[in-house]
């Protein structure tokens, strides 16, 4: 946990993008551009997704190493995993956004309210705010490893009954998608759906399944399905190249967008 980073983030509440023509309205918000400078992207526009940039900036100000990435899901393997029940202010919440494993949202844990997690983050309605998000969107809750701490040998955990209930709608949807694809004998879609299901379950159990792991699992699943069905499917190398190209594009344009 980093209370210092959370306190720094609290002082930024209200920082917002400048809308409209940048020349007529005073340009981009220099504070948000400063957030971007805390990542390798170093974007110069406040209209480029900045939730991960904001978290990295706050951590840097608190002398804690972040991910140096403007991608929200870069925090899925950062620090160590903690459960929702263990979460404290200063922990970092990584959220899903749609079904695309490239996209997500990240911010600081600010509490829980009913079936929602309260997140203190940037790029929430185009500003720094505390906003609620459905619990089922939680991919992982991470805690900083402080210099005096030794990381636990594993992040594996058994989800609580409440977590299973919260995750049930998303989990059922992913299972149904896989079954429907398999019944339609759409092998490529089946492989992607299976990997999405495995990745979601992995994150639910606290395992560090990042985008690189998802990419390798997809290639392996497609290869296995092709072997057993004798169907011609996408070449894993081509899939890997296409994914890298898409990842690069997302890094420059839309990664981490809420």
C-alpha atoms as a PDB file:
ATOM      1  CA  UNK A   1       0.000   0.000   0.000  1.00  0.00           C
ATOM      2  CA  UNK A   2       1.133   3.550  -0.661  1.00  0.00           C
ATOM      3  CA  UNK A   3      -0.807   6.106   1.315  1.00  0.00           C
ATOM      4  CA  UNK A   4       1.610   8.775   0.065  1.00  0.00           C
ATOM      5  CA  UNK A   5       0.674   8.174  -3.575  1.00  0.00           C
ATOM      6  CA  UNK A   6      -3.025   8.184  -2.670  1.00  0.00           C
ATOM      7  CA  UNK A   7      -2.661  11.498  -0.825  1.00  0.00           C
ATOM      8  CA  UNK A   8      -0.874  12.970  -3.842  1.00  0.00           C
ATOM      9  CA  UNK A   9      -3.690  11.766  -6.098  1.00  0.00           C
ATOM     10  CA  UNK A  10      -6.297  13.356  -3.797  1.00  0.00           C
ATOM     11  CA  UNK A  11      -4.661  16.751  -4.230  1.00  0.00           C
ATOM     12  CA  UNK A  12      -5.155  16.438  -8.008  1.00  0.00           C
ATOM     13  CA  UNK A  13      -8.957  16.062  -7.795  1.00  0.00           C
ATOM     14  CA  UNK A  14     -10.669  18.254 -10.366  1.00  0.00           C
ATOM     15  CA  UNK A  15      -7.761  18.417 -12.817  1.00  0.00           C
ATOM     16  CA  UNK A  16      -9.528  18.274 -16.184  1.00  0.00           C
ATOM     17  CA  UNK A  17      -8.951  18.282 -19.913  1.00  0.00           C
ATOM     18  CA  UNK A  18      -9.336  21.521 -21.887  1.00  0.00           C
ATOM     19  CA  UNK A  19     -12.028  21.035 -24.501  1.00  0.00           C
ATOM     20  CA  UNK A  20     -12.334  22.398 -28.006  1.00  0.00           C
ATOM     21  CA  UNK A  21      -9.801  24.004 -30.304  1.00  0.00           C
ATOM     22  CA  UNK A  22      -6.518  23.992 -28.379  1.00  0.00           C
ATOM     23  CA  UNK A  23      -5.373  27.333 -29.804  1.00  0.00           C
ATOM     24  CA  UNK A  24      -8.568  29.177 -28.930  1.00  0.00           C
ATOM     25  CA  UNK A  25      -9.077  27.599 -25.511  1.00  0.00           C
ATOM     26  CA  UNK A  26      -5.647  27.831 -23.986  1.00  0.00           C
ATOM     27  CA  UNK A  27      -4.099  24.626 -25.284  1.00  0.00           C
ATOM     28  CA  UNK A  28      -3.780  21.292 -23.502  1.00  0.00           C
ATOM     29  CA  UNK A  29      -3.815  21.128 -19.724  1.00  0.00           C
ATOM     30  CA  UNK A  30      -0.104  21.237 -18.868  1.00  0.00           C
ATOM     31  CA  UNK A  31      -0.730  19.206 -15.706  1.00  0.00           C
ATOM     32  CA  UNK A  32      -2.078  16.258 -17.729  1.00  0.00           C
ATOM     33  CA  UNK A  33       0.853  16.561 -20.133  1.00  0.00           C
ATOM     34  CA  UNK A  34       3.037  16.337 -17.018  1.00  0.00           C
ATOM     35  CA  UNK A  35       1.260  13.092 -16.073  1.00  0.00           C
ATOM     36  CA  UNK A  36       2.117  11.677 -19.519  1.00  0.00           C
ATOM     37  CA  UNK A  37       5.787  12.552 -18.958  1.00  0.00           C
ATOM     38  CA  UNK A  38       5.872   9.886 -16.231  1.00  0.00           C
ATOM     39  CA  UNK A  39       5.530   7.178 -18.914  1.00  0.00           C
ATOM     40  CA  UNK A  40       7.493   6.087 -21.965  1.00  0.00           C
ATOM     41  CA  UNK A  41       4.700   7.378 -24.240  1.00  0.00           C
ATOM     42  CA  UNK A  42       5.306  11.020 -23.205  1.00  0.00           C
ATOM     43  CA  UNK A  43       2.188  12.210 -25.016  1.00  0.00           C
ATOM     44  CA  UNK A  44       1.768  15.959 -25.422  1.00  0.00           C
ATOM     45  CA  UNK A  45      -2.034  16.070 -25.608  1.00  0.00           C
ATOM     46  CA  UNK A  46      -4.581  15.927 -22.799  1.00  0.00           C
ATOM     47  CA  UNK A  47      -6.961  14.108 -25.161  1.00  0.00           C
ATOM     48  CA  UNK A  48      -4.835  10.953 -25.229  1.00  0.00           C
ATOM     49  CA  UNK A  49      -6.003   8.463 -22.594  1.00  0.00           C
ATOM     50  CA  UNK A  50      -4.186   9.312 -19.368  1.00  0.00           C
ATOM     51  CA  UNK A  51      -5.447   7.094 -16.528  1.00  0.00           C
ATOM     52  CA  UNK A  52      -2.217   5.037 -16.386  1.00  0.00           C
ATOM     53  CA  UNK A  53      -0.110   8.159 -16.839  1.00  0.00           C
ATOM     54  CA  UNK A  54      -1.821   9.679 -13.806  1.00  0.00           C
ATOM     55  CA  UNK A  55      -1.160   6.622 -11.619  1.00  0.00           C
ATOM     56  CA  UNK A  56       2.482   6.468 -12.738  1.00  0.00           C
ATOM     57  CA  UNK A  57       2.906  10.183 -11.997  1.00  0.00           C
ATOM     58  CA  UNK A  58       1.479   9.837  -8.478  1.00  0.00           C
ATOM     59  CA  UNK A  59       3.685   6.828  -7.750  1.00  0.00           C
ATOM     60  CA  UNK A  60       6.748   8.649  -9.050  1.00  0.00           C
ATOM     61  CA  UNK A  61       5.972  11.637  -6.817  1.00  0.00           C
ATOM     62  CA  UNK A  62       5.794   9.185  -3.891  1.00  0.00           C
ATOM     63  CA  UNK A  63       9.210   7.754  -4.946  1.00  0.00           C
ATOM     64  CA  UNK A  64       7.679   4.409  -5.931  1.00  0.00           C
ATOM     65  CA  UNK A  65       8.457   2.700  -9.228  1.00  0.00           C
ATOM     66  CA  UNK A  66       5.399   2.397 -11.454  1.00  0.00           C
ATOM     67  CA  UNK A  67       5.201   0.604 -14.804  1.00  0.00           C
ATOM     68  CA  UNK A  68       6.476   3.473 -16.997  1.00  0.00           C
ATOM     69  CA  UNK A  69       3.666   2.518 -19.395  1.00  0.00           C
ATOM     70  CA  UNK A  70       0.598   4.461 -20.480  1.00  0.00           C
ATOM     71  CA  UNK A  71      -1.334   1.208 -20.829  1.00  0.00           C
ATOM     72  CA  UNK A  72      -3.812   0.623 -18.004  1.00  0.00           C
ATOM     73  CA  UNK A  73      -3.334  -3.150 -18.028  1.00  0.00           C
ATOM     74  CA  UNK A  74       0.407  -2.792 -17.530  1.00  0.00           C
ATOM     75  CA  UNK A  75      -0.483  -2.718 -13.822  1.00  0.00           C
ATOM     76  CA  UNK A  76      -2.009  -6.230 -13.888  1.00  0.00           C
ATOM     77  CA  UNK A  77       1.395  -7.721 -12.964  1.00  0.00           C
ATOM     78  CA  UNK A  78       2.742  -4.743 -10.963  1.00  0.00           C
ATOM     79  CA  UNK A  79       3.467  -5.193  -7.255  1.00  0.00           C
ATOM     80  CA  UNK A  80       1.591  -8.009  -5.542  1.00  0.00           C
ATOM     81  CA  UNK A  81      -2.068  -8.986  -5.742  1.00  0.00           C
ATOM     82  CA  UNK A  82      -4.473  -8.430  -2.862  1.00  0.00           C
ATOM     83  CA  UNK A  83      -8.108  -9.418  -2.535  1.00  0.00           C
ATOM     84  CA  UNK A  84     -11.006  -6.975  -2.508  1.00  0.00           C
ATOM     85  CA  UNK A  85     -11.476  -7.732   1.193  1.00  0.00           C
ATOM     86  CA  UNK A  86      -7.826  -6.823   1.882  1.00  0.00           C
ATOM     87  CA  UNK A  87      -7.765  -3.711  -0.324  1.00  0.00           C
ATOM     88  CA  UNK A  88      -6.792  -0.419   1.285  1.00  0.00           C
ATOM     89  CA  UNK A  89      -6.507   3.165   0.110  1.00  0.00           C
ATOM     90  CA  UNK A  90      -3.374   3.451  -1.964  1.00  0.00           C
ATOM     91  CA  UNK A  91      -3.745   0.038  -3.602  1.00  0.00           C
ATOM     92  CA  UNK A  92      -4.208   0.092  -7.353  1.00  0.00           C
ATOM     93  CA  UNK A  93      -7.312  -1.254  -9.101  1.00  0.00           C
ATOM     94  CA  UNK A  94      -7.082  -2.558 -12.670  1.00  0.00           C
ATOM     95  CA  UNK A  95     -10.425  -2.734 -14.489  1.00  0.00           C
ATOM     96  CA  UNK A  96     -11.520  -4.294 -17.755  1.00  0.00           C
ATOM     97  CA  UNK A  97     -13.112  -2.249 -20.513  1.00  0.00           C
ATOM     98  CA  UNK A  98     -15.231  -4.270 -22.925  1.00  0.00           C
ATOM     99  CA  UNK A  99     -14.027  -7.658 -24.158  1.00  0.00           C
ATOM    100  CA  UNK A 100     -10.824  -6.472 -25.847  1.00  0.00           C
ATOM    101  CA  UNK A 101      -7.832  -7.581 -23.703  1.00  0.00           C
ATOM    102  CA  UNK A 102      -5.874  -4.531 -24.887  1.00  0.00           C
ATOM    103  CA  UNK A 103      -8.094  -2.002 -23.169  1.00  0.00           C
ATOM    104  CA  UNK A 104      -8.684  -1.252 -19.521  1.00  0.00           C
ATOM    105  CA  UNK A 105      -8.734   1.387 -16.813  1.00  0.00           C
ATOM    106  CA  UNK A 106      -6.596   1.906 -13.717  1.00  0.00           C
ATOM    107  CA  UNK A 107      -6.769   4.034 -10.594  1.00  0.00           C
ATOM    108  CA  UNK A 108      -6.383   4.006  -6.819  1.00  0.00           C
ATOM    109  CA  UNK A 109      -8.696   2.027  -4.546  1.00  0.00           C
ATOM    110  CA  UNK A 110     -10.831   4.515  -2.606  1.00  0.00           C
ATOM    111  CA  UNK A 111     -13.341   2.138  -1.043  1.00  0.00           C
ATOM    112  CA  UNK A 112     -16.310  -0.079  -1.822  1.00  0.00           C
ATOM    113  CA  UNK A 113     -19.929   0.957  -2.060  1.00  0.00           C
ATOM    114  CA  UNK A 114     -22.412  -1.868  -2.466  1.00  0.00           C
ATOM    115  CA  UNK A 115     -21.623  -3.694  -5.707  1.00  0.00           C
ATOM    116  CA  UNK A 116     -19.236  -0.974  -6.859  1.00  0.00           C
ATOM    117  CA  UNK A 117     -15.576  -0.243  -6.245  1.00  0.00           C
ATOM    118  CA  UNK A 118     -14.716   3.426  -5.762  1.00  0.00           C
ATOM    119  CA  UNK A 119     -11.716   4.458  -7.847  1.00  0.00           C
ATOM    120  CA  UNK A 120      -9.669   7.628  -7.490  1.00  0.00           C
ATOM    121  CA  UNK A 121      -8.252   8.085 -10.956  1.00  0.00           C
ATOM    122  CA  UNK A 122      -7.566  10.242 -13.954  1.00  0.00           C
ATOM    123  CA  UNK A 123      -9.473  10.362 -17.241  1.00  0.00           C
ATOM    124  CA  UNK A 124     -12.721   9.630 -15.417  1.00  0.00           C
ATOM    125  CA  UNK A 125     -15.255  11.787 -17.237  1.00  0.00           C
ATOM    126  CA  UNK A 126     -12.164  13.610 -18.587  1.00  0.00           C
ATOM    127  CA  UNK A 127     -10.900  14.647 -15.152  1.00  0.00           C
ATOM    128  CA  UNK A 128      -9.404  13.386 -11.892  1.00  0.00           C
ATOM    129  CA  UNK A 129     -12.293  12.156  -9.774  1.00  0.00           C
ATOM    130  CA  UNK A 130     -13.552   9.411  -7.484  1.00  0.00           C
ATOM    131  CA  UNK A 131     -15.974   7.274  -9.480  1.00  0.00           C
ATOM    132  CA  UNK A 132     -17.807   3.953  -8.941  1.00  0.00           C
ATOM    133  CA  UNK A 133     -17.228   0.926 -11.192  1.00  0.00           C
ATOM    134  CA  UNK A 134     -19.005  -2.478 -11.095  1.00  0.00           C
ATOM    135  CA  UNK A 135     -17.122  -5.081  -9.070  1.00  0.00           C
ATOM    136  CA  UNK A 136     -17.224  -7.573 -11.945  1.00  0.00           C
ATOM    137  CA  UNK A 137     -14.924  -5.300 -13.957  1.00  0.00           C
ATOM    138  CA  UNK A 138     -12.050  -5.761 -11.487  1.00  0.00           C
ATOM    139  CA  UNK A 139      -9.164  -7.617 -13.138  1.00  0.00           C
ATOM    140  CA  UNK A 140      -6.773  -7.277 -10.214  1.00  0.00           C
ATOM    141  CA  UNK A 141      -6.019  -5.179  -7.159  1.00  0.00           C
ATOM    142  CA  UNK A 142      -2.305  -4.545  -6.735  1.00  0.00           C
ATOM    143  CA  UNK A 143      -0.170  -3.343  -3.851  1.00  0.00           C
ATOM    144  CA  UNK A 144       3.259  -1.735  -4.114  1.00  0.00           C
ATOM    145  CA  UNK A 145       6.243  -3.753  -2.959  1.00  0.00           C
ATOM    146  CA  UNK A 146       8.071  -1.413  -0.615  1.00  0.00           C
ATOM    147  CA  UNK A 147      11.891  -1.633  -0.405  1.00  0.00           C
ATOM    148  CA  UNK A 148      11.766  -3.365   2.994  1.00  0.00           C
ATOM    149  CA  UNK A 149       9.231  -5.940   1.868  1.00  0.00           C
ATOM    150  CA  UNK A 150       9.793  -9.318   0.271  1.00  0.00           C
ATOM    151  CA  UNK A 151       7.260 -10.314  -2.407  1.00  0.00           C
ATOM    152  CA  UNK A 152       5.196 -13.368  -1.655  1.00  0.00           C
ATOM    153  CA  UNK A 153       6.192 -16.453  -3.696  1.00  0.00           C
ATOM    154  CA  UNK A 154       2.804 -16.608  -5.364  1.00  0.00           C
ATOM    155  CA  UNK A 155      -0.200 -14.390  -5.905  1.00  0.00           C
ATOM    156  CA  UNK A 156      -2.616 -17.338  -6.184  1.00  0.00           C
ATOM    157  CA  UNK A 157      -5.755 -16.972  -4.100  1.00  0.00           C
ATOM    158  CA  UNK A 158      -9.139 -18.655  -3.815  1.00  0.00           C
ATOM    159  CA  UNK A 159     -11.926 -16.178  -4.701  1.00  0.00           C
ATOM    160  CA  UNK A 160     -14.503 -15.557  -2.013  1.00  0.00           C
ATOM    161  CA  UNK A 161     -18.162 -16.428  -2.497  1.00  0.00           C
ATOM    162  CA  UNK A 162     -18.903 -12.736  -3.003  1.00  0.00           C
ATOM    163  CA  UNK A 163     -16.241 -12.492  -5.721  1.00  0.00           C
ATOM    164  CA  UNK A 164     -17.719 -15.531  -7.506  1.00  0.00           C
ATOM    165  CA  UNK A 165     -21.172 -13.962  -7.374  1.00  0.00           C
ATOM    166  CA  UNK A 166     -19.861 -10.628  -8.689  1.00  0.00           C
ATOM    167  CA  UNK A 167     -17.929 -12.353 -11.479  1.00  0.00           C
ATOM    168  CA  UNK A 168     -20.743 -14.745 -12.461  1.00  0.00           C
ATOM    169  CA  UNK A 169     -22.395 -12.602 -15.215  1.00  0.00           C
ATOM    170  CA  UNK A 170     -19.088 -11.996 -17.018  1.00  0.00           C
ATOM    171  CA  UNK A 171     -17.954 -15.577 -16.509  1.00  0.00           C
ATOM    172  CA  UNK A 172     -21.210 -17.034 -17.850  1.00  0.00           C
ATOM    173  CA  UNK A 173     -21.045 -14.695 -20.859  1.00  0.00           C
ATOM    174  CA  UNK A 174     -17.516 -15.859 -21.723  1.00  0.00           C
ATOM    175  CA  UNK A 175     -18.512 -19.521 -21.364  1.00  0.00           C
ATOM    176  CA  UNK A 176     -21.552 -19.004 -23.598  1.00  0.00           C
ATOM    177  CA  UNK A 177     -19.422 -17.259 -26.234  1.00  0.00           C
ATOM    178  CA  UNK A 178     -16.963 -20.158 -26.290  1.00  0.00           C
ATOM    179  CA  UNK A 179     -19.736 -22.782 -26.513  1.00  0.00           C
ATOM    180  CA  UNK A 180     -21.520 -20.890 -29.306  1.00  0.00           C
ATOM    181  CA  UNK A 181     -18.294 -20.541 -31.301  1.00  0.00           C
ATOM    182  CA  UNK A 182     -17.457 -24.215 -30.850  1.00  0.00           C
ATOM    183  CA  UNK A 183     -20.951 -25.298 -31.912  1.00  0.00           C
ATOM    184  CA  UNK A 184     -20.658 -23.121 -35.020  1.00  0.00           C
ATOM    185  CA  UNK A 185     -17.236 -24.719 -35.676  1.00  0.00           C
ATOM    186  CA  UNK A 186     -15.661 -21.284 -35.870  1.00  0.00           C
ATOM    187  CA  UNK A 187     -12.290 -22.501 -34.630  1.00  0.00           C
ATOM    188  CA  UNK A 188     -10.421 -19.215 -34.559  1.00  0.00           C
ATOM    189  CA  UNK A 189     -13.170 -17.474 -32.593  1.00  0.00           C
ATOM    190  CA  UNK A 190     -13.372 -20.522 -30.319  1.00  0.00           C
ATOM    191  CA  UNK A 191      -9.658 -20.237 -29.556  1.00  0.00           C
ATOM    192  CA  UNK A 192      -9.869 -16.526 -28.772  1.00  0.00           C
ATOM    193  CA  UNK A 193     -12.992 -17.073 -26.627  1.00  0.00           C
ATOM    194  CA  UNK A 194     -11.291 -19.912 -24.737  1.00  0.00           C
ATOM    195  CA  UNK A 195      -8.239 -17.769 -23.996  1.00  0.00           C
ATOM    196  CA  UNK A 196     -10.456 -14.895 -22.812  1.00  0.00           C
ATOM    197  CA  UNK A 197     -12.206 -17.333 -20.461  1.00  0.00           C
ATOM    198  CA  UNK A 198      -8.922 -18.741 -19.131  1.00  0.00           C
ATOM    199  CA  UNK A 199      -7.435 -15.244 -18.683  1.00  0.00           C
ATOM    200  CA  UNK A 200     -10.513 -14.038 -16.783  1.00  0.00           C
ATOM    201  CA  UNK A 201     -10.418 -17.076 -14.489  1.00  0.00           C
ATOM    202  CA  UNK A 202      -6.685 -16.613 -13.991  1.00  0.00           C
ATOM    203  CA  UNK A 203      -7.084 -12.996 -12.930  1.00  0.00           C
ATOM    204  CA  UNK A 204      -9.957 -14.009 -10.663  1.00  0.00           C
ATOM    205  CA  UNK A 205      -7.569 -16.387  -8.905  1.00  0.00           C
ATOM    206  CA  UNK A 206      -4.914 -13.657  -8.687  1.00  0.00           C
ATOM    207  CA  UNK A 207      -2.587 -15.064 -11.351  1.00  0.00           C
ATOM    208  CA  UNK A 208      -0.521 -12.509 -13.328  1.00  0.00           C
ATOM    209  CA  UNK A 209      -1.932 -13.095 -16.806  1.00  0.00           C
ATOM    210  CA  UNK A 210      -0.816 -10.097 -18.837  1.00  0.00           C
ATOM    211  CA  UNK A 211      -1.207  -9.231 -22.529  1.00  0.00           C
ATOM    212  CA  UNK A 212       1.944 -11.155 -23.476  1.00  0.00           C
ATOM    213  CA  UNK A 213       0.591 -14.290 -21.830  1.00  0.00           C
ATOM    214  CA  UNK A 214      -2.770 -13.839 -23.567  1.00  0.00           C
ATOM    215  CA  UNK A 215      -0.992 -13.518 -26.916  1.00  0.00           C
ATOM    216  CA  UNK A 216       0.952 -16.754 -26.386  1.00  0.00           C
ATOM    217  CA  UNK A 217      -2.139 -18.602 -25.162  1.00  0.00           C
ATOM    218  CA  UNK A 218      -4.104 -17.535 -28.242  1.00  0.00           C
ATOM    219  CA  UNK A 219      -1.397 -18.755 -30.597  1.00  0.00           C
ATOM    220  CA  UNK A 220      -1.135 -22.060 -28.705  1.00  0.00           C
ATOM    221  CA  UNK A 221      -4.928 -22.574 -28.589  1.00  0.00           C
ATOM    222  CA  UNK A 222      -5.298 -21.926 -32.314  1.00  0.00           C
ATOM    223  CA  UNK A 223      -2.453 -24.329 -33.079  1.00  0.00           C
ATOM    224  CA  UNK A 224      -3.953 -27.087 -30.895  1.00  0.00           C
ATOM    225  CA  UNK A 225      -7.445 -26.665 -32.359  1.00  0.00           C
ATOM    226  CA  UNK A 226      -5.971 -26.774 -35.860  1.00  0.00           C
ATOM    227  CA  UNK A 227      -4.065 -29.970 -35.056  1.00  0.00           C
ATOM    228  CA  UNK A 228      -7.081 -31.867 -33.717  1.00  0.00           C
ATOM    229  CA  UNK A 229      -9.595 -30.648 -36.292  1.00  0.00           C
ATOM    230  CA  UNK A 230      -7.383 -30.691 -39.351  1.00  0.00           C
ATOM    231  CA  UNK A 231      -8.807 -27.291 -40.241  1.00  0.00           C
ATOM    232  CA  UNK A 232      -6.654 -24.573 -41.733  1.00  0.00           C
ATOM    233  CA  UNK A 233      -6.470 -21.766 -39.182  1.00  0.00           C
ATOM    234  CA  UNK A 234      -4.500 -18.580 -38.720  1.00  0.00           C
ATOM    235  CA  UNK A 235      -0.755 -19.183 -38.551  1.00  0.00           C
ATOM    236  CA  UNK A 236       0.441 -18.433 -34.985  1.00  0.00           C
ATOM    237  CA  UNK A 237       3.337 -16.336 -36.274  1.00  0.00           C
ATOM    238  CA  UNK A 238       0.957 -14.230 -38.360  1.00  0.00           C
ATOM    239  CA  UNK A 239      -1.368 -13.871 -35.400  1.00  0.00           C
ATOM    240  CA  UNK A 240       1.530 -12.744 -33.225  1.00  0.00           C
ATOM    241  CA  UNK A 241       2.644 -10.177 -35.805  1.00  0.00           C
ATOM    242  CA  UNK A 242      -0.902  -8.844 -36.191  1.00  0.00           C
ATOM    243  CA  UNK A 243      -1.288  -8.577 -32.409  1.00  0.00           C
ATOM    244  CA  UNK A 244       1.981  -6.660 -32.073  1.00  0.00           C
ATOM    245  CA  UNK A 245       0.866  -4.265 -34.804  1.00  0.00           C
ATOM    246  CA  UNK A 246      -2.476  -3.707 -33.083  1.00  0.00           C
ATOM    247  CA  UNK A 247      -0.761  -3.289 -29.715  1.00  0.00           C
ATOM    248  CA  UNK A 248       1.531  -0.644 -31.154  1.00  0.00           C
ATOM    249  CA  UNK A 249      -1.411   1.241 -32.619  1.00  0.00           C
ATOM    250  CA  UNK A 250      -3.325   1.033 -29.351  1.00  0.00           C
ATOM    251  CA  UNK A 251      -0.255   2.272 -27.447  1.00  0.00           C
ATOM    252  CA  UNK A 252      -0.195   5.435 -29.540  1.00  0.00           C
ATOM    253  CA  UNK A 253      -3.917   6.143 -29.683  1.00  0.00           C
ATOM    254  CA  UNK A 254      -6.380   4.566 -27.268  1.00  0.00           C
ATOM    255  CA  UNK A 255      -4.744   2.439 -24.566  1.00  0.00           C
ATOM    256  CA  UNK A 256      -6.077   2.795 -21.039  1.00  0.00           C
ATOM    257  CA  UNK A 257      -9.116   4.786 -22.124  1.00  0.00           C
ATOM    258  CA  UNK A 258     -12.088   4.752 -19.746  1.00  0.00           C
END
